[in-house]
N, C-alpha and C. Protein backbone atom coordinates (compact mmCIF):
# COMPACT_ATOMS: atom_id res chain seq x y z
N MET A 1 -10.97 -8.40 -8.90
CA MET A 1 -9.73 -7.85 -8.45
C MET A 1 -9.22 -6.71 -9.21
N GLU A 2 -9.43 -6.89 -10.52
CA GLU A 2 -8.91 -5.75 -11.38
C GLU A 2 -9.54 -4.44 -11.09
N ALA A 3 -10.75 -4.44 -10.64
CA ALA A 3 -11.49 -3.18 -10.31
C ALA A 3 -11.17 -2.75 -8.93
N ARG A 4 -10.28 -3.47 -8.29
CA ARG A 4 -9.82 -3.04 -6.93
C ARG A 4 -11.03 -3.02 -5.90
N GLU A 5 -11.91 -4.02 -6.10
CA GLU A 5 -13.06 -4.13 -5.15
C GLU A 5 -12.80 -5.21 -4.12
N VAL A 6 -11.60 -5.81 -4.05
CA VAL A 6 -11.28 -6.76 -3.18
C VAL A 6 -10.30 -6.28 -2.06
N ILE A 7 -10.73 -6.59 -0.86
CA ILE A 7 -9.86 -6.20 0.33
C ILE A 7 -9.59 -7.52 0.99
N THR A 8 -8.42 -7.73 1.48
CA THR A 8 -8.05 -8.98 2.15
C THR A 8 -7.52 -8.76 3.52
N ILE A 9 -7.30 -9.85 4.22
CA ILE A 9 -6.77 -9.83 5.57
C ILE A 9 -5.55 -10.80 5.65
N GLU A 10 -4.59 -10.42 6.51
CA GLU A 10 -3.33 -11.17 6.58
C GLU A 10 -3.59 -12.68 6.99
N PRO A 11 -4.46 -12.86 7.95
CA PRO A 11 -4.59 -14.32 8.38
C PRO A 11 -5.13 -15.21 7.20
N LEU A 12 -5.90 -14.61 6.30
CA LEU A 12 -6.46 -15.44 5.20
C LEU A 12 -5.23 -15.81 4.22
N PHE A 13 -4.41 -14.88 3.94
CA PHE A 13 -3.23 -15.16 3.08
C PHE A 13 -2.27 -16.08 3.81
N ALA A 14 -2.10 -15.97 5.10
CA ALA A 14 -1.21 -16.89 5.88
C ALA A 14 -1.72 -18.29 5.70
N GLU A 15 -3.02 -18.48 5.82
CA GLU A 15 -3.63 -19.83 5.66
C GLU A 15 -3.42 -20.32 4.20
N LEU A 16 -3.59 -19.49 3.22
CA LEU A 16 -3.33 -19.88 1.89
C LEU A 16 -1.87 -20.29 1.62
N LEU A 17 -0.91 -19.52 2.14
CA LEU A 17 0.47 -19.81 1.97
C LEU A 17 0.78 -21.11 2.69
N TYR A 18 0.16 -21.37 3.86
CA TYR A 18 0.40 -22.55 4.61
C TYR A 18 0.07 -23.78 3.83
N GLY A 19 -0.90 -23.69 3.02
CA GLY A 19 -1.39 -24.89 2.19
C GLY A 19 -0.69 -25.00 0.85
N CYS A 20 0.18 -24.16 0.53
CA CYS A 20 0.89 -24.24 -0.76
C CYS A 20 1.79 -25.50 -0.87
N ARG A 21 1.74 -26.11 -2.00
CA ARG A 21 2.56 -27.33 -2.18
C ARG A 21 3.52 -27.11 -3.33
N SER A 22 3.49 -25.97 -3.99
CA SER A 22 4.38 -25.71 -5.09
C SER A 22 4.86 -24.28 -5.06
N GLU A 23 6.04 -24.03 -5.55
CA GLU A 23 6.65 -22.72 -5.69
C GLU A 23 5.72 -21.78 -6.60
N LYS A 24 5.10 -22.38 -7.56
CA LYS A 24 4.22 -21.62 -8.57
C LYS A 24 3.04 -21.13 -7.74
N ASP A 25 2.42 -21.89 -6.94
CA ASP A 25 1.24 -21.52 -6.09
C ASP A 25 1.70 -20.43 -5.11
N ARG A 26 2.83 -20.67 -4.43
CA ARG A 26 3.33 -19.74 -3.48
C ARG A 26 3.57 -18.37 -4.13
N SER A 27 4.19 -18.35 -5.29
CA SER A 27 4.49 -17.04 -5.94
C SER A 27 3.23 -16.31 -6.35
N LYS A 28 2.27 -17.14 -6.84
CA LYS A 28 0.97 -16.48 -7.21
C LYS A 28 0.29 -15.86 -6.03
N ILE A 29 0.18 -16.60 -4.93
CA ILE A 29 -0.46 -16.02 -3.75
C ILE A 29 0.29 -14.79 -3.25
N LEU A 30 1.61 -14.84 -3.19
CA LEU A 30 2.39 -13.65 -2.73
C LEU A 30 2.25 -12.47 -3.71
N SER A 31 2.05 -12.73 -4.93
CA SER A 31 1.88 -11.68 -5.94
C SER A 31 0.54 -10.93 -5.67
N TYR A 32 -0.46 -11.64 -5.35
CA TYR A 32 -1.75 -11.09 -4.93
C TYR A 32 -1.68 -10.30 -3.61
N TRP A 33 -0.91 -10.87 -2.64
CA TRP A 33 -0.72 -10.20 -1.37
C TRP A 33 -0.07 -8.93 -1.48
N LYS A 34 0.83 -8.77 -2.40
CA LYS A 34 1.57 -7.53 -2.59
C LYS A 34 0.73 -6.41 -3.16
N VAL A 35 -0.30 -6.70 -3.87
CA VAL A 35 -1.06 -5.64 -4.59
C VAL A 35 -2.47 -5.41 -4.05
N LEU A 36 -2.98 -6.34 -3.29
CA LEU A 36 -4.37 -6.12 -2.86
C LEU A 36 -4.35 -5.29 -1.57
N PRO A 37 -5.39 -4.34 -1.49
CA PRO A 37 -5.53 -3.58 -0.35
C PRO A 37 -5.91 -4.52 0.79
N ARG A 38 -5.61 -4.15 2.01
CA ARG A 38 -5.92 -5.00 3.16
C ARG A 38 -6.31 -4.27 4.41
N LEU A 39 -7.12 -4.95 5.17
CA LEU A 39 -7.56 -4.35 6.47
C LEU A 39 -6.44 -4.58 7.48
N ASP A 40 -6.17 -3.59 8.34
CA ASP A 40 -5.18 -3.75 9.40
C ASP A 40 -5.87 -4.43 10.58
N PHE A 41 -5.02 -5.06 11.32
CA PHE A 41 -5.43 -5.72 12.48
C PHE A 41 -4.79 -5.09 13.75
N SER A 42 -5.67 -4.82 14.73
CA SER A 42 -5.14 -4.17 15.95
C SER A 42 -4.76 -5.33 16.93
N HIS A 43 -4.04 -4.92 17.92
CA HIS A 43 -3.63 -5.91 18.88
C HIS A 43 -4.85 -6.51 19.58
N GLY A 44 -4.90 -7.77 19.66
CA GLY A 44 -6.05 -8.50 20.24
C GLY A 44 -7.17 -8.80 19.37
N SER A 45 -7.07 -8.48 18.07
CA SER A 45 -8.23 -8.67 17.14
C SER A 45 -8.54 -10.16 16.93
N ILE A 46 -7.46 -11.01 16.88
CA ILE A 46 -7.73 -12.45 16.70
C ILE A 46 -8.34 -13.11 17.92
N ILE A 47 -7.96 -12.59 19.12
CA ILE A 47 -8.66 -13.03 20.40
C ILE A 47 -10.13 -12.61 20.30
N GLU A 48 -10.37 -11.41 19.86
CA GLU A 48 -11.80 -10.96 19.73
C GLU A 48 -12.59 -11.78 18.81
N ALA A 49 -11.88 -12.21 17.67
CA ALA A 49 -12.55 -13.08 16.72
C ALA A 49 -12.84 -14.45 17.29
N ALA A 50 -12.05 -14.97 18.08
CA ALA A 50 -12.26 -16.26 18.83
C ALA A 50 -13.42 -16.13 19.72
N GLU A 51 -13.57 -15.08 20.43
CA GLU A 51 -14.68 -14.81 21.33
C GLU A 51 -15.96 -14.66 20.49
N PHE A 52 -15.91 -13.95 19.44
CA PHE A 52 -16.98 -13.77 18.48
C PHE A 52 -17.44 -15.13 17.92
N ALA A 53 -16.51 -16.00 17.63
CA ALA A 53 -16.82 -17.40 17.09
C ALA A 53 -17.50 -18.24 18.15
N ASN A 54 -16.92 -18.17 19.38
CA ASN A 54 -17.60 -18.90 20.43
C ASN A 54 -19.01 -18.39 20.68
N THR A 55 -19.20 -17.09 20.71
CA THR A 55 -20.50 -16.53 20.94
C THR A 55 -21.52 -16.97 19.91
N ASN A 56 -21.05 -17.13 18.67
CA ASN A 56 -21.87 -17.45 17.54
C ASN A 56 -21.89 -18.99 17.21
N ASN A 57 -21.29 -19.81 18.08
CA ASN A 57 -21.29 -21.26 17.90
C ASN A 57 -20.61 -21.77 16.66
N PHE A 58 -19.63 -20.97 16.14
CA PHE A 58 -18.97 -21.37 14.93
C PHE A 58 -18.30 -22.67 15.02
N HIS A 59 -17.71 -23.06 16.12
CA HIS A 59 -17.02 -24.31 16.25
C HIS A 59 -17.94 -25.49 15.96
N ASN A 60 -19.17 -25.44 16.44
CA ASN A 60 -20.09 -26.47 16.14
C ASN A 60 -20.70 -26.47 14.77
N LEU A 61 -20.47 -25.32 14.08
CA LEU A 61 -20.88 -25.24 12.65
C LEU A 61 -19.83 -25.58 11.69
N GLY A 62 -18.58 -25.91 12.26
CA GLY A 62 -17.51 -26.25 11.45
C GLY A 62 -16.77 -25.10 10.83
N ILE A 63 -16.98 -23.93 11.38
CA ILE A 63 -16.26 -22.71 10.91
C ILE A 63 -15.02 -22.46 11.82
N GLY A 64 -13.88 -22.51 11.18
CA GLY A 64 -12.60 -22.37 11.93
C GLY A 64 -12.21 -20.93 12.31
N LEU A 65 -11.06 -20.85 12.97
CA LEU A 65 -10.61 -19.54 13.47
C LEU A 65 -10.38 -18.52 12.42
N ILE A 66 -9.73 -18.90 11.32
CA ILE A 66 -9.39 -17.95 10.22
C ILE A 66 -10.65 -17.45 9.58
N ASP A 67 -11.58 -18.36 9.38
CA ASP A 67 -12.86 -17.97 8.78
C ASP A 67 -13.61 -17.05 9.75
N SER A 68 -13.50 -17.36 11.01
CA SER A 68 -14.15 -16.44 12.00
C SER A 68 -13.55 -15.05 12.01
N VAL A 69 -12.21 -15.00 11.82
CA VAL A 69 -11.56 -13.69 11.66
C VAL A 69 -12.09 -12.92 10.48
N LEU A 70 -12.20 -13.64 9.40
CA LEU A 70 -12.73 -13.10 8.16
C LEU A 70 -14.20 -12.56 8.33
N ILE A 71 -15.02 -13.34 8.93
CA ILE A 71 -16.40 -12.90 9.07
C ILE A 71 -16.47 -11.73 10.03
N LYS A 72 -15.73 -11.71 11.16
CA LYS A 72 -15.80 -10.59 12.04
C LYS A 72 -15.25 -9.34 11.40
N ALA A 73 -14.09 -9.44 10.67
CA ALA A 73 -13.52 -8.26 10.01
C ALA A 73 -14.57 -7.75 8.94
N THR A 74 -15.27 -8.61 8.28
CA THR A 74 -16.23 -8.23 7.27
C THR A 74 -17.29 -7.43 7.87
N LEU A 75 -17.86 -7.90 8.99
CA LEU A 75 -18.95 -7.19 9.62
C LEU A 75 -18.52 -5.92 10.19
N GLU A 76 -17.32 -5.85 10.81
CA GLU A 76 -16.84 -4.60 11.41
C GLU A 76 -16.54 -3.51 10.37
N ASN A 77 -16.06 -3.91 9.22
CA ASN A 77 -15.66 -2.93 8.19
C ASN A 77 -16.73 -2.69 7.13
N LYS A 78 -17.92 -3.34 7.34
CA LYS A 78 -19.03 -3.18 6.38
C LYS A 78 -18.68 -3.58 4.95
N CYS A 79 -17.99 -4.73 4.88
CA CYS A 79 -17.60 -5.25 3.59
C CYS A 79 -18.43 -6.57 3.34
N LEU A 80 -18.23 -7.14 2.19
CA LEU A 80 -18.91 -8.37 1.85
C LEU A 80 -17.87 -9.47 1.70
N ILE A 81 -18.34 -10.74 2.00
CA ILE A 81 -17.50 -11.81 1.91
C ILE A 81 -17.60 -12.43 0.52
N TRP A 82 -16.45 -12.60 -0.11
CA TRP A 82 -16.39 -13.23 -1.47
C TRP A 82 -15.75 -14.56 -1.27
N THR A 83 -16.51 -15.69 -1.24
CA THR A 83 -16.01 -16.98 -0.90
C THR A 83 -16.77 -18.12 -1.65
N LEU A 84 -16.20 -19.23 -1.72
CA LEU A 84 -16.86 -20.44 -2.14
C LEU A 84 -16.95 -21.44 -1.04
N ASP A 85 -16.54 -21.08 0.15
CA ASP A 85 -16.58 -21.91 1.32
C ASP A 85 -18.00 -22.24 1.72
N LYS A 86 -18.33 -23.49 1.62
CA LYS A 86 -19.78 -23.97 1.82
C LYS A 86 -20.21 -23.68 3.24
N LYS A 87 -19.33 -23.77 4.23
CA LYS A 87 -19.74 -23.54 5.63
C LYS A 87 -20.05 -22.06 5.89
N ILE A 88 -19.22 -21.18 5.26
CA ILE A 88 -19.51 -19.69 5.36
C ILE A 88 -20.80 -19.40 4.66
N LEU A 89 -20.92 -19.98 3.38
CA LEU A 89 -22.14 -19.67 2.59
C LEU A 89 -23.35 -20.08 3.25
N THR A 90 -23.32 -21.15 3.94
CA THR A 90 -24.49 -21.78 4.58
C THR A 90 -24.89 -21.11 5.90
N ASN A 91 -23.86 -20.57 6.60
CA ASN A 91 -24.04 -20.15 7.99
C ASN A 91 -23.91 -18.57 8.11
N THR A 92 -23.80 -17.89 7.04
CA THR A 92 -23.70 -16.45 7.12
C THR A 92 -24.87 -15.77 6.46
N ASP A 93 -25.43 -14.80 7.07
CA ASP A 93 -26.62 -14.07 6.49
C ASP A 93 -26.22 -13.58 5.10
N LYS A 94 -27.09 -13.83 4.15
CA LYS A 94 -26.84 -13.51 2.73
C LYS A 94 -26.51 -12.10 2.47
N GLN A 95 -27.01 -11.15 3.36
CA GLN A 95 -26.70 -9.74 3.15
C GLN A 95 -25.19 -9.41 3.29
N PHE A 96 -24.44 -10.36 3.94
CA PHE A 96 -22.99 -10.13 4.07
C PHE A 96 -22.15 -10.90 3.08
N LEU A 97 -22.84 -11.51 2.06
CA LEU A 97 -22.12 -12.27 1.10
C LEU A 97 -22.12 -11.54 -0.28
N TYR A 98 -20.90 -11.49 -0.91
CA TYR A 98 -20.86 -10.90 -2.27
C TYR A 98 -21.47 -11.83 -3.28
N LYS A 99 -22.35 -11.25 -4.07
CA LYS A 99 -23.00 -12.08 -5.12
C LYS A 99 -22.34 -11.71 -6.46
N SER A 100 -21.73 -12.75 -7.00
CA SER A 100 -21.00 -12.49 -8.26
C SER A 100 -21.90 -12.84 -9.46
């Protein structure tokens, strides 16, 4: 993150904030949201991600809508996914995953 090699998306941070159980966690997440570069979403992009997920059978693989949005945005913007999510790691082509 310090090297500014991380790009984020709003739905991902919305999901992180939704899961916050303390003010400390909420503040930390919002501090990252304020400084990280992010991809813009056009009108209908989440609907397109849902269609993309359906086409790729993500529901049966246990990959949810927000993760589908992340995967689609990654592919469209030629980025890599940096995650510890086992379902994404297992079901996404390794060429699209960031290797730390």
